[in-house]
Amino acid sequence: MAKAYLVSFYRSISNPAAVAEYAKLAGPAIQGGGGRLLARGIPAKTYEAGLEKRTVILEFDTVQQATAAYESDAYQ
């Protein structure tokens, strides 16, 4: 069965402390919904005019599972 991925890009972070607090809540909510963290951080190298901004990649077993985790009360 095909996996599903949720990819987040942070264009800018003006308040790193707020992002850290968000991660404390979002991480457990995503894991509780079946998500697995594959990568996070600043890319080591970008191509094709890519932006060197913080990126987070999460993996889920299905699109339905990813959607349910994103739309869950715990994540929202």
Protein backbone atom coordinates (compact mmCIF):
# COMPACT_ATOMS: atom_id res chain seq x y z
CA MET A 1 0.00 0.00 0.00
CA ALA A 2 1.26 3.52 -0.81
CA LYS A 3 2.40 5.75 2.02
CA ALA A 4 1.33 9.35 2.57
CA TYR A 5 3.62 12.26 3.42
CA LEU A 6 3.01 15.60 5.06
CA VAL A 7 5.70 18.14 4.18
CA SER A 8 5.93 21.51 5.93
CA PHE A 9 8.13 24.43 4.91
CA TYR A 10 8.78 27.36 7.20
CA ARG A 11 9.27 30.49 5.08
CA SER A 12 10.48 32.38 8.12
CA ILE A 13 10.63 31.95 11.87
CA SER A 14 10.30 35.21 13.75
CA ASN A 15 9.80 33.62 17.17
CA PRO A 16 11.91 30.47 17.72
CA ALA A 17 10.53 30.03 21.25
CA ALA A 18 6.97 29.85 19.88
CA VAL A 19 8.05 27.22 17.32
CA ALA A 20 9.63 25.16 20.12
CA GLU A 21 6.38 25.34 22.13
CA TYR A 22 4.37 24.38 19.02
CA ALA A 23 6.63 21.34 18.48
CA LYS A 24 5.99 20.15 22.04
CA LEU A 25 2.27 19.91 21.22
CA ALA A 26 2.34 19.04 17.52
CA GLY A 27 4.84 16.18 17.79
CA PRO A 28 2.77 14.02 20.16
CA ALA A 29 -0.43 14.86 18.25
CA ILE A 30 1.09 13.69 14.95
CA GLN A 31 2.61 10.58 16.54
CA GLY A 32 -0.72 9.81 18.18
CA GLY A 33 -2.28 9.94 14.72
CA GLY A 34 0.21 7.41 13.36
CA GLY A 35 2.74 9.85 11.90
CA ARG A 36 6.46 9.22 11.88
CA LEU A 37 9.05 11.99 11.67
CA LEU A 38 11.40 11.33 8.75
CA ALA A 39 13.36 14.59 8.63
CA ARG A 40 13.44 18.10 10.04
CA GLY A 41 15.81 21.01 9.85
CA ILE A 42 17.57 23.19 7.32
CA PRO A 43 18.55 21.45 4.04
CA ALA A 44 22.27 20.81 3.60
CA LYS A 45 21.93 21.61 -0.10
CA THR A 46 19.14 22.86 -2.35
CA TYR A 47 18.67 22.67 -6.13
CA GLU A 48 16.36 24.19 -8.76
CA ALA A 49 16.09 27.55 -6.95
CA GLY A 50 15.01 25.81 -3.73
CA LEU A 51 14.90 27.75 -0.49
CA GLU A 52 17.17 26.85 2.40
CA LYS A 53 14.42 27.02 5.00
CA ARG A 54 13.35 24.71 7.81
CA THR A 55 11.55 21.67 6.42
CA VAL A 56 9.66 18.88 8.20
CA ILE A 57 8.72 15.57 6.54
CA LEU A 58 6.23 13.19 8.17
CA GLU A 59 5.18 9.75 6.95
CA PHE A 60 1.81 8.05 7.42
CA ASP A 61 0.57 4.65 6.31
CA THR A 62 -2.37 6.16 4.36
CA VAL A 63 -3.70 9.49 3.11
CA GLN A 64 -6.73 9.02 5.35
CA GLN A 65 -4.48 8.62 8.39
CA ALA A 66 -2.50 11.76 7.49
CA THR A 67 -5.69 13.76 6.95
CA ALA A 68 -7.21 12.55 10.21
CA ALA A 69 -4.06 13.43 12.16
CA TYR A 70 -3.86 16.90 10.62
CA GLU A 71 -7.55 17.61 11.22
CA SER A 72 -7.58 16.11 14.74
CA ASP A 73 -8.42 18.27 17.74
CA ALA A 74 -5.05 17.37 19.28
CA TYR A 75 -3.16 18.84 16.30
CA GLN A 76 -5.42 21.81 15.63
